[in-house]
Protein backbone atom coordinates (compact mmCIF):
# COMPACT_ATOMS: atom_id res chain seq x y z
CA ALA A 1 61.54 8.47 -173.82
CA PRO A 2 62.09 5.96 -171.00
CA ASN A 3 58.93 4.71 -169.30
CA HIS A 4 60.08 5.74 -165.83
CA TRP A 5 60.01 9.44 -166.80
CA MET A 6 56.19 9.06 -166.69
CA LEU A 7 55.54 11.64 -169.40
CA TYR A 8 51.97 12.59 -170.29
CA ILE A 9 50.67 10.10 -172.85
CA LEU A 10 48.86 12.76 -174.91
CA GLY A 11 51.88 15.05 -174.97
CA GLY A 12 53.15 13.44 -178.17
CA ASN A 13 56.59 11.88 -178.59
CA PHE A 14 58.41 15.03 -177.50
CA ALA A 15 60.93 14.72 -174.69
CA PRO A 16 64.19 16.50 -173.86
CA LYS A 17 67.15 14.36 -174.82
CA PRO A 18 69.56 14.26 -171.84
CA SER A 19 72.94 15.88 -172.41
CA THR A 20 76.02 13.70 -172.22
CA GLY A 21 77.04 13.50 -168.59
CA PRO A 22 77.73 11.26 -165.61
CA HIS A 23 74.76 8.90 -166.11
CA LYS A 24 73.49 6.77 -168.97
CA LEU A 25 70.84 8.12 -171.30
CA ARG A 26 68.11 5.72 -170.16
CA GLU A 27 69.14 5.65 -166.48
CA CYS A 28 68.86 9.36 -165.76
CA LEU A 29 66.31 12.14 -165.28
CA PRO A 30 66.88 15.50 -167.03
CA LEU A 31 66.59 18.49 -164.68
CA SER A 32 63.75 19.99 -166.74
CA ILE A 33 61.59 16.87 -166.18
CA PHE A 34 62.47 16.87 -162.48
CA LEU A 35 61.41 20.52 -162.05
CA ARG A 36 58.35 20.43 -164.31
CA ASN A 37 56.85 16.94 -163.96
CA ARG A 38 58.00 15.88 -160.50
CA LEU A 39 58.21 19.01 -158.34
CA LYS A 40 55.69 21.05 -160.41
CA TYR A 41 57.82 24.16 -159.85
CA ALA A 42 57.51 25.03 -163.54
CA LEU A 43 54.47 24.90 -165.81
CA ASN A 44 56.43 24.42 -169.00
CA TYR A 45 59.86 23.83 -170.49
CA ASN A 46 60.49 27.57 -170.85
CA GLU A 47 60.00 28.16 -167.13
CA CYS A 48 62.51 25.37 -166.35
CA THR A 49 65.10 27.25 -168.44
CA LYS A 50 64.43 30.45 -166.48
CA ILE A 51 64.66 28.72 -163.08
CA LEU A 52 67.98 27.06 -164.00
CA ALA A 53 69.36 30.28 -165.54
CA GLN A 54 68.99 31.95 -162.13
CA ARG A 55 71.56 29.42 -160.82
CA LEU A 56 69.17 28.13 -158.16
CA VAL A 57 69.66 24.38 -158.65
CA LYS A 58 72.70 22.40 -157.54
CA VAL A 59 73.44 18.78 -158.40
CA ASP A 60 76.03 17.20 -156.10
CA GLY A 61 77.03 20.64 -154.83
CA LYS A 62 77.64 22.15 -158.29
CA ILE A 63 75.35 24.73 -159.88
CA ARG A 64 73.84 23.31 -163.07
CA THR A 65 72.21 25.55 -165.66
CA ASP A 66 71.76 22.93 -168.41
CA LYS A 67 68.05 22.03 -168.55
CA ARG A 68 68.93 18.64 -170.02
CA PHE A 69 71.62 17.78 -167.45
CA PRO A 70 71.30 14.04 -166.61
CA ALA A 71 70.80 13.54 -162.86
CA GLY A 72 70.90 9.88 -161.85
CA LEU A 73 70.94 7.36 -159.03
CA MET A 74 72.14 8.70 -155.62
CA ASP A 75 72.59 12.26 -156.95
CA VAL A 76 71.73 15.02 -154.46
CA ILE A 77 69.68 17.86 -155.96
CA SER A 78 69.63 20.99 -153.77
CA ILE A 79 67.47 24.10 -154.15
CA GLU A 80 68.83 26.61 -151.63
CA LYS A 81 66.09 29.20 -152.18
CA THR A 82 63.46 26.80 -150.78
CA ASN A 83 66.01 25.03 -148.52
CA GLU A 84 65.11 21.66 -150.06
CA HIS A 85 67.34 18.66 -150.76
CA PHE A 86 66.41 15.58 -152.77
CA ARG A 87 68.18 12.29 -153.42
CA LEU A 88 67.35 10.46 -156.64
CA ILE A 89 66.61 6.89 -155.61
CA TYR A 90 64.46 4.17 -157.17
CA ASP A 91 61.07 3.09 -155.86
CA THR A 92 60.02 -0.55 -156.30
CA LYS A 93 58.51 0.18 -159.71
CA GLY A 94 61.81 1.42 -161.13
CA ARG A 95 60.92 5.13 -161.09
CA PHE A 96 62.91 7.89 -159.45
CA ALA A 97 61.05 8.78 -156.25
CA ILE A 98 60.90 12.41 -155.04
CA HIS A 99 62.82 11.64 -151.89
CA ARG A 100 63.41 14.66 -149.63
CA ILE A 101 66.40 14.38 -147.32
CA HIS A 102 67.79 16.24 -144.30
CA PRO A 103 70.50 18.87 -144.98
CA GLU A 104 72.99 16.73 -142.99
CA GLU A 105 72.36 13.75 -145.29
CA ALA A 106 72.76 16.01 -148.34
CA LYS A 107 76.48 16.44 -147.52
CA TYR A 108 77.45 13.00 -148.85
CA LYS A 109 76.49 10.43 -151.45
CA LEU A 110 77.16 6.75 -152.05
CA CYS A 111 78.98 5.66 -155.22
CA LYS A 112 79.43 2.14 -156.53
CA VAL A 113 82.98 1.32 -157.64
CA ARG A 114 82.89 0.18 -161.28
CA LYS A 115 86.64 -0.26 -161.92
CA LEU A 116 89.93 -0.20 -160.07
CA LEU A 117 92.80 0.78 -162.37
CA THR A 118 96.37 2.05 -162.36
CA GLY A 119 97.11 5.22 -164.29
CA SER A 120 100.34 6.72 -165.63
CA GLY A 121 103.10 6.95 -163.03
CA GLY A 122 101.62 3.96 -161.20
CA VAL A 123 98.81 6.03 -159.66
CA PRO A 124 95.92 3.81 -158.52
CA TYR A 125 92.42 5.19 -159.08
CA ILE A 126 88.81 4.06 -159.02
CA VAL A 127 85.95 4.89 -161.40
CA THR A 128 82.48 5.11 -159.84
CA HIS A 129 78.98 4.63 -161.26
CA ASP A 130 78.58 8.41 -161.67
CA ALA A 131 81.82 8.71 -163.70
CA ARG A 132 83.96 10.10 -160.87
CA THR A 133 87.67 9.33 -160.94
CA ILE A 134 89.12 9.22 -157.43
CA ARG A 135 92.91 8.83 -157.10
CA TYR A 136 94.77 7.02 -154.35
CA PRO A 137 91.81 5.14 -152.84
CA ASP A 138 92.13 2.91 -149.77
CA PRO A 139 93.93 -0.31 -150.92
CA ASP A 140 91.05 -2.29 -149.38
CA ILE A 141 88.55 -0.88 -151.92
CA LYS A 142 87.78 -3.19 -154.86
CA ALA A 143 85.28 -3.25 -157.76
CA ASN A 144 81.58 -3.55 -156.72
CA ASP A 145 82.30 -2.02 -153.29
CA THR A 146 80.55 1.21 -152.30
CA VAL A 147 82.32 4.40 -151.26
CA GLN A 148 80.83 7.27 -149.25
CA VAL A 149 81.93 10.50 -150.94
CA ASP A 150 81.91 13.96 -149.36
CA ILE A 151 80.12 16.21 -151.86
CA ASP A 152 82.07 19.40 -151.02
CA THR A 153 85.58 17.92 -151.29
CA GLY A 154 84.97 14.87 -153.51
CA LYS A 155 87.06 12.78 -151.08
CA ILE A 156 86.18 9.30 -149.82
CA ILE A 157 84.97 9.37 -146.20
CA ASN A 158 84.19 5.66 -145.78
CA HIS A 159 83.61 2.49 -147.75
CA ILE A 160 81.55 -0.72 -147.58
CA LYS A 161 82.74 -4.07 -148.89
CA PHE A 162 80.62 -6.09 -151.30
CA GLU A 163 79.97 -9.22 -149.24
CA PRO A 164 77.08 -11.37 -148.01
CA GLY A 165 75.33 -9.93 -144.96
CA ASN A 166 75.30 -6.31 -146.20
CA ILE A 167 72.16 -4.43 -147.25
CA CYS A 168 71.84 -3.55 -150.94
CA MET A 169 69.52 -2.01 -153.51
CA VAL A 170 68.83 -3.49 -156.94
CA THR A 171 69.42 -0.88 -159.66
CA GLY A 172 68.37 -2.78 -162.79
CA GLY A 173 66.44 -5.75 -164.11
CA HIS A 174 63.11 -7.17 -162.96
CA SER A 175 63.71 -6.49 -159.23
CA ILE A 176 64.73 -2.83 -159.68
CA GLY A 177 64.26 -0.71 -156.56
CA ARG A 178 64.05 -3.66 -154.15
CA VAL A 179 66.15 -3.52 -150.99
CA GLY A 180 67.42 -6.53 -149.04
CA VAL A 181 70.37 -8.28 -147.45
CA ILE A 182 72.76 -10.34 -149.59
CA THR A 183 72.55 -14.00 -148.58
CA GLN A 184 74.76 -15.61 -151.23
CA TRP A 185 77.11 -14.56 -154.02
CA GLU A 186 77.29 -17.13 -156.85
CA ARG A 187 80.59 -16.74 -158.67
CA HIS A 188 80.76 -17.95 -162.27
CA PRO A 189 84.16 -16.92 -163.70
CA GLY A 190 83.76 -15.96 -167.35
CA SER A 191 79.97 -15.82 -167.08
CA VAL A 192 77.28 -13.77 -165.33
CA GLU A 193 77.68 -13.79 -161.56
CA MET A 194 74.43 -13.96 -159.58
CA VAL A 195 73.50 -12.59 -156.15
CA HIS A 196 70.80 -13.99 -153.83
CA ILE A 197 68.99 -11.33 -151.76
CA ARG A 198 66.41 -11.54 -148.94
CA ASP A 199 64.20 -8.53 -148.13
CA SER A 200 62.90 -7.58 -144.67
CA THR A 201 59.62 -9.48 -145.22
CA GLY A 202 61.56 -12.73 -145.83
CA HIS A 203 61.09 -12.93 -149.62
CA ASP A 204 64.12 -14.22 -151.57
CA PHE A 205 65.03 -13.07 -155.06
CA LEU A 206 67.95 -13.32 -157.47
CA THR A 207 69.67 -10.77 -159.69
CA ARG A 208 72.88 -10.13 -161.61
CA LEU A 209 75.96 -8.82 -159.84
CA ASN A 210 76.00 -5.68 -162.04
CA ASN A 211 72.55 -4.68 -160.75
CA VAL A 212 73.49 -4.75 -157.04
CA PHE A 213 74.39 -1.52 -155.22
CA ILE A 214 75.51 -1.88 -151.58
CA ILE A 215 73.87 0.86 -149.47
CA GLY A 216 74.89 -0.06 -145.92
CA LYS A 217 76.62 -2.39 -143.47
CA SER A 218 74.70 -5.44 -142.14
CA ASN A 219 71.02 -4.37 -142.26
CA LYS A 220 71.51 -0.63 -141.58
CA ALA A 221 71.33 1.59 -144.69
CA TRP A 222 73.61 4.66 -144.86
CA VAL A 223 71.01 6.62 -146.85
CA SER A 224 67.33 7.11 -146.02
CA LEU A 225 64.98 5.12 -148.26
CA PRO A 226 61.72 6.19 -149.95
CA ARG A 227 58.32 5.51 -148.40
CA CYS A 228 58.08 1.88 -149.58
CA LYS A 229 61.50 1.08 -147.96
CA GLY A 230 62.37 -1.08 -150.98
CA ILE A 231 59.72 -3.74 -150.23
CA ARG A 232 57.74 -4.78 -153.29
CA LEU A 233 54.13 -5.70 -152.54
CA SER A 234 52.21 -8.30 -154.53
CA ILE A 235 49.27 -7.05 -156.64
CA THR A 236 46.73 -8.07 -153.96
CA GLU A 237 48.78 -6.51 -151.12
CA ASP A 238 49.12 -3.28 -153.12
CA ARG A 239 45.36 -3.24 -153.78
CA GLU A 240 44.56 -3.74 -150.08
CA ARG A 241 46.97 -0.94 -149.13
CA ARG A 242 45.31 1.46 -151.58
CA ILE A 243 41.80 0.57 -150.30
CA LYS A 244 42.96 1.22 -146.71
CA MET A 245 44.38 4.60 -147.71
CA ARG A 246 41.06 5.62 -149.31
CA ALA A 247 39.02 4.52 -146.28
């Protein structure tokens, strides 16, 4: 199982294999692990099945009863019985943080545009990172841009261009979970394009274009961020923070 699931080391090599769905096998979190290991609403796998069978859990506004359903980045998980809403978003260690959000924020999600294509009959459409196909997008939307999607209707409300000066989150590689503003976009046609990013503490880092997810315009994010706000601390800074918390 992927490391970021944080399964109990003495539990053996048993883990639910995610069903095929909108997110990749190693970049998702099955609903059973979310309910049992993260929220602690279930003591075991069997209880997860019973909770989901009662049709209490929604992912992106749709009731999901599959205990192995793969929830992934930016997905909104809603439990109406407890009036709770969560957005799956990375912390700076590459794990999905339990990030509670306001009901107003749970009405939309951000999706990265993977491809812009033309279908049969000359219909333009985009494919997003969570496998959505949205027809007739705004002609201004291109690959790597981010669209704000209304969860109830599935329509695009707004979009953000991929360009230097916008705030982004890194979704893969060594800097996963870090948030910063794009300072430079290195284009290498036919090779891997690189993006230079600066976080709010002034640290610069570099990552591949594929790993960059725009989350807001200029330095204002359109989604709330987890507690660490996407700032990775050095080992000594992290140690000092923990000592302060204990004191």
